[in-house]
Amino acid sequence: MEDFGVIVRVNGPIEVYDASHAEITKRLDGSVADGLVLHVARALDDGFEVIEVWESREQYETFNRDVVAPAMAAIGAPADAPPPETVEFEPHNLMAVQLR
């Protein structure tokens, strides 16, 4: 199985990320998303960016469909908002040194 990487750039305030992350964390109820290897978010001058590595594209797509989309709806994110810029990549080397 090949790892799947994705960079998602959102043109919106970091507070949208904070609210969605809180809602997703609540929905996960202490568990970890199946197949998630790495999740990093950062603020940008014009929005925010999320970088993730998953064990498979299918796990990424399932999580977005079953968890992220309902969480975004729950925080009031407009369903007709333009989609974020998404860049997919194949991770070449991944080393996690410390979890926080």
PDB file of N, CA and C in Angstrom:
ATOM      1  N   MET A   1       0.850  -1.179   0.000  1.00  0.00           N
ATOM      2  CA  MET A   1       0.000   0.000   0.000  1.00  0.00           C
ATOM      3  C   MET A   1       0.896   1.242   0.000  1.00  0.00           C
ATOM      4  N   GLU A   2       0.615   2.159  -0.901  1.00  0.00           N
ATOM      5  CA  GLU A   2       1.378   3.404  -1.003  1.00  0.00           C
ATOM      6  C   GLU A   2       0.745   4.479  -0.129  1.00  0.00           C
ATOM      7  N   ASP A   3       1.573   5.222   0.595  1.00  0.00           N
ATOM      8  CA  ASP A   3       1.061   6.365   1.346  1.00  0.00           C
ATOM      9  C   ASP A   3       0.561   7.417   0.368  1.00  0.00           C
ATOM     10  N   PHE A   4      -0.376   8.229   0.845  1.00  0.00           N
ATOM     11  CA  PHE A   4      -0.983   9.280   0.034  1.00  0.00           C
ATOM     12  C   PHE A   4      -0.817  10.590   0.788  1.00  0.00           C
ATOM     13  N   GLY A   5      -0.285  11.611   0.114  1.00  0.00           N
ATOM     14  CA  GLY A   5      -0.107  12.916   0.728  1.00  0.00           C
ATOM     15  C   GLY A   5      -0.964  13.964   0.057  1.00  0.00           C
ATOM     16  N   VAL A   6      -1.385  14.949   0.844  1.00  0.00           N
ATOM     17  CA  VAL A   6      -2.209  16.021   0.304  1.00  0.00           C
ATOM     18  C   VAL A   6      -1.906  17.321   1.050  1.00  0.00           C
ATOM     19  N   ILE A   7      -1.865  18.396   0.287  1.00  0.00           N
ATOM     20  CA  ILE A   7      -1.742  19.742   0.841  1.00  0.00           C
ATOM     21  C   ILE A   7      -3.017  20.478   0.454  1.00  0.00           C
ATOM     22  N   VAL A   8      -3.715  21.007   1.441  1.00  0.00           N
ATOM     23  CA  VAL A   8      -4.969  21.721   1.205  1.00  0.00           C
ATOM     24  C   VAL A   8      -4.770  23.163   1.643  1.00  0.00           C
ATOM     25  N   ARG A   9      -4.947  24.091   0.700  1.00  0.00           N
ATOM     26  CA  ARG A   9      -4.816  25.519   0.994  1.00  0.00           C
ATOM     27  C   ARG A   9      -6.205  26.157   0.959  1.00  0.00           C
ATOM     28  N   VAL A  10      -6.557  26.804   2.062  1.00  0.00           N
ATOM     29  CA  VAL A  10      -7.891  27.387   2.210  1.00  0.00           C
ATOM     30  C   VAL A  10      -7.751  28.896   2.318  1.00  0.00           C
ATOM     31  N   ASN A  11      -8.529  29.601   1.523  1.00  0.00           N
ATOM     32  CA  ASN A  11      -8.555  31.059   1.566  1.00  0.00           C
ATOM     33  C   ASN A  11      -9.600  31.472   2.591  1.00  0.00           C
ATOM     34  N   GLY A  12      -9.223  31.455   3.837  1.00  0.00           N
ATOM     35  CA  GLY A  12     -10.127  31.804   4.931  1.00  0.00           C
ATOM     36  C   GLY A  12      -9.309  31.955   6.198  1.00  0.00           C
ATOM     37  N   PRO A  13      -9.886  32.573   7.199  1.00  0.00           N
ATOM     38  CA  PRO A  13      -9.138  32.832   8.432  1.00  0.00           C
ATOM     39  C   PRO A  13      -8.788  31.546   9.174  1.00  0.00           C
ATOM     40  N   ILE A  14      -7.683  31.587   9.899  1.00  0.00           N
ATOM     41  CA  ILE A  14      -7.229  30.426  10.666  1.00  0.00           C
ATOM     42  C   ILE A  14      -8.283  30.011  11.690  1.00  0.00           C
ATOM     43  N   GLU A  15      -9.154  30.931  12.071  1.00  0.00           N
ATOM     44  CA  GLU A  15     -10.221  30.597  13.020  1.00  0.00           C
ATOM     45  C   GLU A  15     -11.178  29.548  12.438  1.00  0.00           C
ATOM     46  N   VAL A  16     -11.314  29.519  11.112  1.00  0.00           N
ATOM     47  CA  VAL A  16     -12.130  28.477  10.476  1.00  0.00           C
ATOM     48  C   VAL A  16     -11.467  27.123  10.699  1.00  0.00           C
ATOM     49  N   TYR A  17     -10.155  27.077  10.537  1.00  0.00           N
ATOM     50  CA  TYR A  17      -9.433  25.828  10.825  1.00  0.00           C
ATOM     51  C   TYR A  17      -9.629  25.443  12.288  1.00  0.00           C
ATOM     52  N   ASP A  18      -9.438  26.391  13.196  1.00  0.00           N
ATOM     53  CA  ASP A  18      -9.554  26.090  14.629  1.00  0.00           C
ATOM     54  C   ASP A  18     -10.931  25.519  14.963  1.00  0.00           C
ATOM     55  N   ALA A  19     -11.976  26.123  14.417  1.00  0.00           N
ATOM     56  CA  ALA A  19     -13.343  25.644  14.684  1.00  0.00           C
ATOM     57  C   ALA A  19     -13.566  24.260  14.078  1.00  0.00           C
ATOM     58  N   SER A  20     -13.104  24.061  12.853  1.00  0.00           N
ATOM     59  CA  SER A  20     -13.302  22.754  12.221  1.00  0.00           C
ATOM     60  C   SER A  20     -12.476  21.681  12.938  1.00  0.00           C
ATOM     61  N   HIS A  21     -11.259  22.011  13.325  1.00  0.00           N
ATOM     62  CA  HIS A  21     -10.420  21.045  14.040  1.00  0.00           C
ATOM     63  C   HIS A  21     -11.065  20.654  15.368  1.00  0.00           C
ATOM     64  N   ALA A  22     -11.615  21.628  16.085  1.00  0.00           N
ATOM     65  CA  ALA A  22     -12.292  21.334  17.353  1.00  0.00           C
ATOM     66  C   ALA A  22     -13.494  20.421  17.129  1.00  0.00           C
ATOM     67  N   GLU A  23     -14.269  20.686  16.090  1.00  0.00           N
ATOM     68  CA  GLU A  23     -15.452  19.869  15.792  1.00  0.00           C
ATOM     69  C   GLU A  23     -15.048  18.453  15.371  1.00  0.00           C
ATOM     70  N   ILE A  24     -14.022  18.340  14.555  1.00  0.00           N
ATOM     71  CA  ILE A  24     -13.550  17.019  14.120  1.00  0.00           C
ATOM     72  C   ILE A  24     -13.015  16.240  15.314  1.00  0.00           C
ATOM     73  N   THR A  25     -12.247  16.891  16.170  1.00  0.00           N
ATOM     74  CA  THR A  25     -11.708  16.233  17.365  1.00  0.00           C
ATOM     75  C   THR A  25     -12.845  15.734  18.251  1.00  0.00           C
ATOM     76  N   LYS A  26     -13.889  16.544  18.400  1.00  0.00           N
ATOM     77  CA  LYS A  26     -15.052  16.141  19.188  1.00  0.00           C
ATOM     78  C   LYS A  26     -15.715  14.906  18.579  1.00  0.00           C
ATOM     79  N   ARG A  27     -15.852  14.891  17.272  1.00  0.00           N
ATOM     80  CA  ARG A  27     -16.487  13.755  16.593  1.00  0.00           C
ATOM     81  C   ARG A  27     -15.638  12.488  16.688  1.00  0.00           C
ATOM     82  N   LEU A  28     -14.323  12.639  16.735  1.00  0.00           N
ATOM     83  CA  LEU A  28     -13.450  11.471  16.862  1.00  0.00           C
ATOM     84  C   LEU A  28     -13.457  10.905  18.280  1.00  0.00           C
ATOM     85  N   ASP A  29     -13.864  11.721  19.249  1.00  0.00           N
ATOM     86  CA  ASP A  29     -14.036  11.290  20.634  1.00  0.00           C
ATOM     87  C   ASP A  29     -12.817  10.541  21.177  1.00  0.00           C
ATOM     88  N   GLY A  30     -11.653  11.142  20.992  1.00  0.00           N
ATOM     89  CA  GLY A  30     -10.437  10.571  21.548  1.00  0.00           C
ATOM     90  C   GLY A  30      -9.741   9.549  20.669  1.00  0.00           C
ATOM     91  N   SER A  31     -10.354   9.166  19.579  1.00  0.00           N
ATOM     92  CA  SER A  31      -9.697   8.207  18.694  1.00  0.00           C
ATOM     93  C   SER A  31      -8.907   8.951  17.616  1.00  0.00           C
ATOM     94  N   VAL A  32      -8.173   8.200  16.845  1.00  0.00           N
ATOM     95  CA  VAL A  32      -7.391   8.758  15.753  1.00  0.00           C
ATOM     96  C   VAL A  32      -8.043   8.323  14.453  1.00  0.00           C
ATOM     97  N   ALA A  33      -8.054   9.192  13.477  1.00  0.00           N
ATOM     98  CA  ALA A  33      -8.638   8.855  12.178  1.00  0.00           C
ATOM     99  C   ALA A  33      -7.939   7.635  11.598  1.00  0.00           C
ATOM    100  N   ASP A  34      -8.720   6.682  11.127  1.00  0.00           N
ATOM    101  CA  ASP A  34      -8.175   5.456  10.553  1.00  0.00           C
ATOM    102  C   ASP A  34      -7.318   5.780   9.333  1.00  0.00           C
ATOM    103  N   GLY A  35      -6.041   5.443   9.419  1.00  0.00           N
ATOM    104  CA  GLY A  35      -5.137   5.644   8.291  1.00  0.00           C
ATOM    105  C   GLY A  35      -4.363   6.944   8.295  1.00  0.00           C
ATOM    106  N   LEU A  36      -4.674   7.859   9.219  1.00  0.00           N
ATOM    107  CA  LEU A  36      -3.944   9.128   9.263  1.00  0.00           C
ATOM    108  C   LEU A  36      -2.554   8.905   9.842  1.00  0.00           C
ATOM    109  N   VAL A  37      -1.544   9.339   9.112  1.00  0.00           N
ATOM    110  CA  VAL A  37      -0.163   9.195   9.541  1.00  0.00           C
ATOM    111  C   VAL A  37       0.363  10.521  10.087  1.00  0.00           C
ATOM    112  N   LEU A  38       0.013  11.626   9.422  1.00  0.00           N
ATOM    113  CA  LEU A  38       0.547  12.940   9.780  1.00  0.00           C
ATOM    114  C   LEU A  38      -0.486  14.011   9.452  1.00  0.00           C
ATOM    115  N   HIS A  39      -0.633  14.972  10.355  1.00  0.00           N
ATOM    116  CA  HIS A  39      -1.497  16.137  10.122  1.00  0.00           C
ATOM    117  C   HIS A  39      -0.778  17.352  10.684  1.00  0.00           C
ATOM    118  N   VAL A  40      -0.567  18.350   9.822  1.00  0.00           N
ATOM    119  CA  VAL A  40       0.072  19.604  10.228  1.00  0.00           C
ATOM    120  C   VAL A  40      -0.732  20.737   9.608  1.00  0.00           C
ATOM    121  N   ALA A  41      -1.007  21.760  10.395  1.00  0.00           N
ATOM    122  CA  ALA A  41      -1.691  22.938   9.876  1.00  0.00           C
ATOM    123  C   ALA A  41      -0.847  24.168  10.172  1.00  0.00           C
ATOM    124  N   ARG A  42      -0.996  25.177   9.298  1.00  0.00           N
ATOM    125  CA  ARG A  42      -0.274  26.430   9.537  1.00  0.00           C
ATOM    126  C   ARG A  42      -1.056  27.582   8.930  1.00  0.00           C
ATOM    127  N   ALA A  43      -0.914  28.741   9.561  1.00  0.00           N
ATOM    128  CA  ALA A  43      -1.537  29.953   9.047  1.00  0.00           C
ATOM    129  C   ALA A  43      -0.707  30.493   7.894  1.00  0.00           C
ATOM    130  N   LEU A  44      -1.388  31.060   6.909  1.00  0.00           N
ATOM    131  CA  LEU A  44      -0.749  31.741   5.784  1.00  0.00           C
ATOM    132  C   LEU A  44      -1.217  33.195   5.794  1.00  0.00           C
ATOM    133  N   ASP A  45      -0.593  34.038   5.012  1.00  0.00           N
ATOM    134  CA  ASP A  45      -1.014  35.435   4.939  1.00  0.00           C
ATOM    135  C   ASP A  45      -2.446  35.571   4.438  1.00  0.00           C
ATOM    136  N   ASP A  46      -2.875  34.644   3.572  1.00  0.00           N
ATOM    137  CA  ASP A  46      -4.215  34.743   2.981  1.00  0.00           C
ATOM    138  C   ASP A  46      -5.109  33.563   3.341  1.00  0.00           C
ATOM    139  N   GLY A  47      -4.805  32.865   4.431  1.00  0.00           N
ATOM    140  CA  GLY A  47      -5.638  31.734   4.831  1.00  0.00           C
ATOM    141  C   GLY A  47      -4.859  30.752   5.678  1.00  0.00           C
ATOM    142  N   PHE A  48      -5.051  29.477   5.383  1.00  0.00           N
ATOM    143  CA  PHE A  48      -4.319  28.449   6.115  1.00  0.00           C
ATOM    144  C   PHE A  48      -4.089  27.249   5.210  1.00  0.00           C
ATOM    145  N   GLU A  49      -3.187  26.387   5.656  1.00  0.00           N
ATOM    146  CA  GLU A  49      -2.786  25.225   4.882  1.00  0.00           C
ATOM    147  C   GLU A  49      -2.760  24.012   5.805  1.00  0.00           C
ATOM    148  N   VAL A  50      -3.222  22.891   5.292  1.00  0.00           N
ATOM    149  CA  VAL A  50      -3.180  21.626   6.018  1.00  0.00           C
ATOM    150  C   VAL A  50      -2.379  20.649   5.174  1.00  0.00           C
ATOM    151  N   ILE A  51      -1.416  20.001   5.798  1.00  0.00           N
ATOM    152  CA  ILE A  51      -0.600  18.985   5.134  1.00  0.00           C
ATOM    153  C   ILE A  51      -0.875  17.664   5.840  1.00  0.00           C
ATOM    154  N   GLU A  52      -1.257  16.657   5.066  1.00  0.00           N
ATOM    155  CA  GLU A  52      -1.564  15.356   5.653  1.00  0.00           C
ATOM    156  C   GLU A  52      -0.915  14.242   4.851  1.00  0.00           C
ATOM    157  N   VAL A  53      -0.583  13.163   5.562  1.00  0.00           N
ATOM    158  CA  VAL A  53      -0.157  11.914   4.947  1.00  0.00           C
ATOM    159  C   VAL A  53      -1.082  10.829   5.493  1.00  0.00           C
ATOM    160  N   TRP A  54      -1.603  10.030   4.579  1.00  0.00           N
ATOM    161  CA  TRP A  54      -2.523   8.938   4.904  1.00  0.00           C
ATOM    162  C   TRP A  54      -1.942   7.629   4.398  1.00  0.00           C
ATOM    163  N   GLU A  55      -2.384   6.539   4.985  1.00  0.00           N
ATOM    164  CA  GLU A  55      -1.949   5.228   4.517  1.00  0.00           C
ATOM    165  C   GLU A  55      -2.481   4.949   3.110  1.00  0.00           C
ATOM    166  N   SER A  56      -3.641   5.554   2.766  1.00  0.00           N
ATOM    167  CA  SER A  56      -4.195   5.355   1.424  1.00  0.00           C
ATOM    168  C   SER A  56      -5.110   6.516   1.052  1.00  0.00           C
ATOM    169  N   ARG A  57      -5.279   6.701  -0.235  1.00  0.00           N
ATOM    170  CA  ARG A  57      -6.213   7.713  -0.743  1.00  0.00           C
ATOM    171  C   ARG A  57      -7.638   7.398  -0.274  1.00  0.00           C
ATOM    172  N   GLU A  58      -7.998   6.124  -0.266  1.00  0.00           N
ATOM    173  CA  GLU A  58      -9.345   5.719   0.131  1.00  0.00           C
ATOM    174  C   GLU A  58      -9.652   6.136   1.571  1.00  0.00           C
ATOM    175  N   GLN A  59      -8.688   5.979   2.478  1.00  0.00           N
ATOM    176  CA  GLN A  59      -8.903   6.387   3.864  1.00  0.00           C
ATOM    177  C   GLN A  59      -9.072   7.906   3.960  1.00  0.00           C
ATOM    178  N   TYR A  60      -8.296   8.643   3.197  1.00  0.00           N
ATOM    179  CA  TYR A  60      -8.427  10.103   3.148  1.00  0.00           C
ATOM    180  C   TYR A  60      -9.816  10.495   2.658  1.00  0.00           C
ATOM    181  N   GLU A  61     -10.247   9.903   1.557  1.00  0.00           N
ATOM    182  CA  GLU A  61     -11.548  10.237   0.983  1.00  0.00           C
ATOM    183  C   GLU A  61     -12.697   9.858   1.920  1.00  0.00           C
ATOM    184  N   THR A  62     -12.602   8.704   2.553  1.00  0.00           N
ATOM    185  CA  THR A  62     -13.636   8.270   3.496  1.00  0.00           C
ATOM    186  C   THR A  62     -13.724   9.226   4.675  1.00  0.00           C
ATOM    187  N   PHE A  63     -12.578   9.623   5.219  1.00  0.00           N
ATOM    188  CA  PHE A  63     -12.568  10.541   6.358  1.00  0.00           C
ATOM    189  C   PHE A  63     -13.161  11.890   5.978  1.00  0.00           C
ATOM    190  N   ASN A  64     -12.806  12.387   4.814  1.00  0.00           N
ATOM    191  CA  ASN A  64     -13.350  13.673   4.380  1.00  0.00           C
ATOM    192  C   ASN A  64     -14.855  13.601   4.165  1.00  0.00           C
ATOM    193  N   ARG A  65     -15.319  12.519   3.591  1.00  0.00           N
ATOM    194  CA  ARG A  65     -16.753  12.361   3.352  1.00  0.00           C
ATOM    195  C   ARG A  65     -17.537  12.168   4.655  1.00  0.00           C
ATOM    196  N   ASP A  66     -17.042  11.277   5.529  1.00  0.00           N
ATOM    197  CA  ASP A  66     -17.803  10.869   6.700  1.00  0.00           C
ATOM    198  C   ASP A  66     -17.585  11.734   7.932  1.00  0.00           C
ATOM    199  N   VAL A  67     -16.466  12.455   8.001  1.00  0.00           N
ATOM    200  CA  VAL A  67     -16.164  13.233   9.200  1.00  0.00           C
ATOM    201  C   VAL A  67     -15.997  14.720   8.893  1.00  0.00           C
ATOM    202  N   VAL A  68     -15.132  15.053   7.940  1.00  0.00           N
ATOM    203  CA  VAL A  68     -14.837  16.465   7.677  1.00  0.00           C
ATOM    204  C   VAL A  68     -16.059  17.205   7.132  1.00  0.00           C
ATOM    205  N   ALA A  69     -16.709  16.658   6.116  1.00  0.00           N
ATOM    206  CA  ALA A  69     -17.859  17.354   5.520  1.00  0.00           C
ATOM    207  C   ALA A  69     -18.970  17.614   6.546  1.00  0.00           C
ATOM    208  N   PRO A  70     -19.379  16.620   7.356  1.00  0.00           N
ATOM    209  CA  PRO A  70     -20.386  16.909   8.376  1.00  0.00           C
ATOM    210  C   PRO A  70     -19.902  17.898   9.435  1.00  0.00           C
ATOM    211  N   ALA A  71     -18.615  17.846   9.778  1.00  0.00           N
ATOM    212  CA  ALA A  71     -18.081  18.797  10.757  1.00  0.00           C
ATOM    213  C   ALA A  71     -18.126  20.218  10.212  1.00  0.00           C
ATOM    214  N   MET A  72     -17.779  20.378   8.943  1.00  0.00           N
ATOM    215  CA  MET A  72     -17.830  21.711   8.333  1.00  0.00           C
ATOM    216  C   MET A  72     -19.261  22.232   8.305  1.00  0.00           C
ATOM    217  N   ALA A  73     -20.203  21.369   8.000  1.00  0.00           N
ATOM    218  CA  ALA A  73     -21.610  21.780   8.009  1.00  0.00           C
ATOM    219  C   ALA A  73     -22.037  22.183   9.424  1.00  0.00           C
ATOM    220  N   ALA A  74     -21.562  21.447  10.424  1.00  0.00           N
ATOM    221  CA  ALA A  74     -21.942  21.722  11.814  1.00  0.00           C
ATOM    222  C   ALA A  74     -21.425  23.074  12.288  1.00  0.00           C
ATOM    223  N   ILE A  75     -20.281  23.523  11.775  1.00  0.00           N
ATOM    224  CA  ILE A  75     -19.759  24.827  12.212  1.00  0.00           C
ATOM    225  C   ILE A  75     -20.287  25.970  11.352  1.00  0.00           C
ATOM    226  N   GLY A  76     -21.132  25.619  10.379  1.00  0.00           N
ATOM    227  CA  GLY A  76     -21.750  26.653   9.561  1.00  0.00           C
ATOM    228  C   GLY A  76     -20.955  27.076   8.351  1.00  0.00           C
ATOM    229  N   ALA A  77     -20.001  26.269   7.931  1.00  0.00           N
ATOM    230  CA  ALA A  77     -19.248  26.603   6.718  1.00  0.00           C
ATOM    231  C   ALA A  77     -20.187  26.520   5.524  1.00  0.00           C
ATOM    232  N   PRO A  78     -20.187  27.520   4.660  1.00  0.00           N
ATOM    233  CA  PRO A  78     -21.113  27.514   3.528  1.00  0.00           C
ATOM    234  C   PRO A  78     -20.827  26.360   2.562  1.00  0.00           C
ATOM    235  N   ALA A  79     -21.859  25.617   2.219  1.00  0.00           N
ATOM    236  CA  ALA A  79     -21.713  24.465   1.327  1.00  0.00           C
ATOM    237  C   ALA A  79     -21.334  24.894  -0.088  1.00  0.00           C
ATOM    238  N   ASP A  80     -21.652  26.140  -0.443  1.00  0.00           N
ATOM    239  CA  ASP A  80     -21.366  26.611  -1.806  1.00  0.00           C
ATOM    240  C   ASP A  80     -20.061  27.405  -1.901  1.00  0.00           C
ATOM    241  N   ALA A  81     -19.236  27.331  -0.847  1.00  0.00           N
ATOM    242  CA  ALA A  81     -17.937  28.023  -0.872  1.00  0.00           C
ATOM    243  C   ALA A  81     -17.056  27.383  -1.942  1.00  0.00           C
ATOM    244  N   PRO A  82     -16.185  28.162  -2.561  1.00  0.00           N
ATOM    245  CA  PRO A  82     -15.283  27.568  -3.554  1.00  0.00           C
ATOM    246  C   PRO A  82     -14.402  26.510  -2.893  1.00  0.00           C
ATOM    247  N   PRO A  83     -14.121  25.453  -3.606  1.00  0.00           N
ATOM    248  CA  PRO A  83     -13.292  24.398  -3.005  1.00  0.00           C
ATOM    249  C   PRO A  83     -11.872  24.897  -2.759  1.00  0.00           C
ATOM    250  N   PRO A  84     -11.242  24.358  -1.736  1.00  0.00           N
ATOM    251  CA  PRO A  84      -9.859  24.770  -1.467  1.00  0.00           C
ATOM    252  C   PRO A  84      -8.930  24.238  -2.546  1.00  0.00           C
ATOM    253  N   GLU A  85      -7.772  24.864  -2.662  1.00  0.00           N
ATOM    254  CA  GLU A  85      -6.740  24.369  -3.574  1.00  0.00           C
ATOM    255  C   GLU A  85      -6.140  23.113  -2.950  1.00  0.00           C
ATOM    256  N   THR A  86      -6.090  22.038  -3.721  1.00  0.00           N
ATOM    257  CA  THR A  86      -5.587  20.757  -3.212  1.00  0.00           C
ATOM    258  C   THR A  86      -4.464  20.260  -4.107  1.00  0.00           C
ATOM    259  N   VAL A  87      -3.350  19.915  -3.489  1.00  0.00           N
ATOM    260  CA  VAL A  87      -2.208  19.371  -4.207  1.00  0.00           C
ATOM    261  C   VAL A  87      -1.906  17.995  -3.607  1.00  0.00           C
ATOM    262  N   GLU A  88      -1.946  16.984  -4.438  1.00  0.00           N
ATOM    263  CA  GLU A  88      -1.639  15.633  -3.986  1.00  0.00           C
ATOM    264  C   GLU A  88      -0.172  15.336  -4.239  1.00  0.00           C
ATOM    265  N   PHE A  89       0.404  14.500  -3.376  1.00  0.00           N
ATOM    266  CA  PHE A  89       1.790  14.107  -3.576  1.00  0.00           C
ATOM    267  C   PHE A  89       2.020  12.702  -3.029  1.00  0.00           C
ATOM    268  N   GLU A  90       3.059  12.076  -3.520  1.00  0.00           N
ATOM    269  CA  GLU A  90       3.458  10.761  -3.026  1.00  0.00           C
ATOM    270  C   GLU A  90       4.601  10.968  -2.046  1.00  0.00           C
ATOM    271  N   PRO A  91       4.369  10.696  -0.759  1.00  0.00           N
ATOM    272  CA  PRO A  91       5.443  10.871   0.209  1.00  0.00           C
ATOM    273  C   PRO A  91       6.635   9.975  -0.141  1.00  0.00           C
ATOM    274  N   HIS A  92       7.795  10.553  -0.064  1.00  0.00           N
ATOM    275  CA  HIS A  92       9.007   9.815  -0.391  1.00  0.00           C
ATOM    276  C   HIS A  92       9.666   9.258   0.870  1.00  0.00           C
ATOM    277  N   ASN A  93       9.713  10.069   1.896  1.00  0.00           N
ATOM    278  CA  ASN A  93      10.330   9.644   3.151  1.00  0.00           C
ATOM    279  C   ASN A  93       9.615  10.377   4.265  1.00  0.00           C
ATOM    280  N   LEU A  94       9.170   9.653   5.273  1.00  0.00           N
ATOM    281  CA  LEU A  94       8.447  10.251   6.382  1.00  0.00           C
ATOM    282  C   LEU A  94       9.081   9.762   7.671  1.00  0.00           C
ATOM    283  N   MET A  95       9.429  10.710   8.526  1.00  0.00           N
ATOM    284  CA  MET A  95       9.993  10.354   9.818  1.00  0.00           C
ATOM    285  C   MET A  95       9.306  11.200  10.878  1.00  0.00           C
ATOM    286  N   ALA A  96       8.548  10.563  11.742  1.00  0.00           N
ATOM    287  CA  ALA A  96       7.901  11.257  12.859  1.00  0.00           C
ATOM    288  C   ALA A  96       8.782  11.077  14.080  1.00  0.00           C
ATOM    289  N   VAL A  97       9.250  12.178  14.628  1.00  0.00           N
ATOM    290  CA  VAL A  97      10.190  12.102  15.721  1.00  0.00           C
ATOM    291  C   VAL A  97       9.481  12.244  17.070  1.00  0.00           C
ATOM    292  N   GLN A  98       8.456  13.085  17.115  1.00  0.00           N
ATOM    293  CA  GLN A  98       7.786  13.355  18.385  1.00  0.00           C
ATOM    294  C   GLN A  98       6.326  13.683  18.118  1.00  0.00           C
ATOM    295  N   LEU A  99       5.463  13.139  18.935  1.00  0.00           N
ATOM    296  CA  LEU A  99       4.048  13.479  18.866  1.00  0.00           C
ATOM    297  C   LEU A  99       3.713  14.412  20.009  1.00  0.00           C
ATOM    298  N   ARG A 100       2.858  15.411  19.711  1.00  0.00           N
ATOM    299  CA  ARG A 100       2.433  16.333  20.770  1.00  0.00           C
ATOM    300  C   ARG A 100       0.945  16.332  20.854  1.00  0.00           C
TER     301      ARG A 100
END
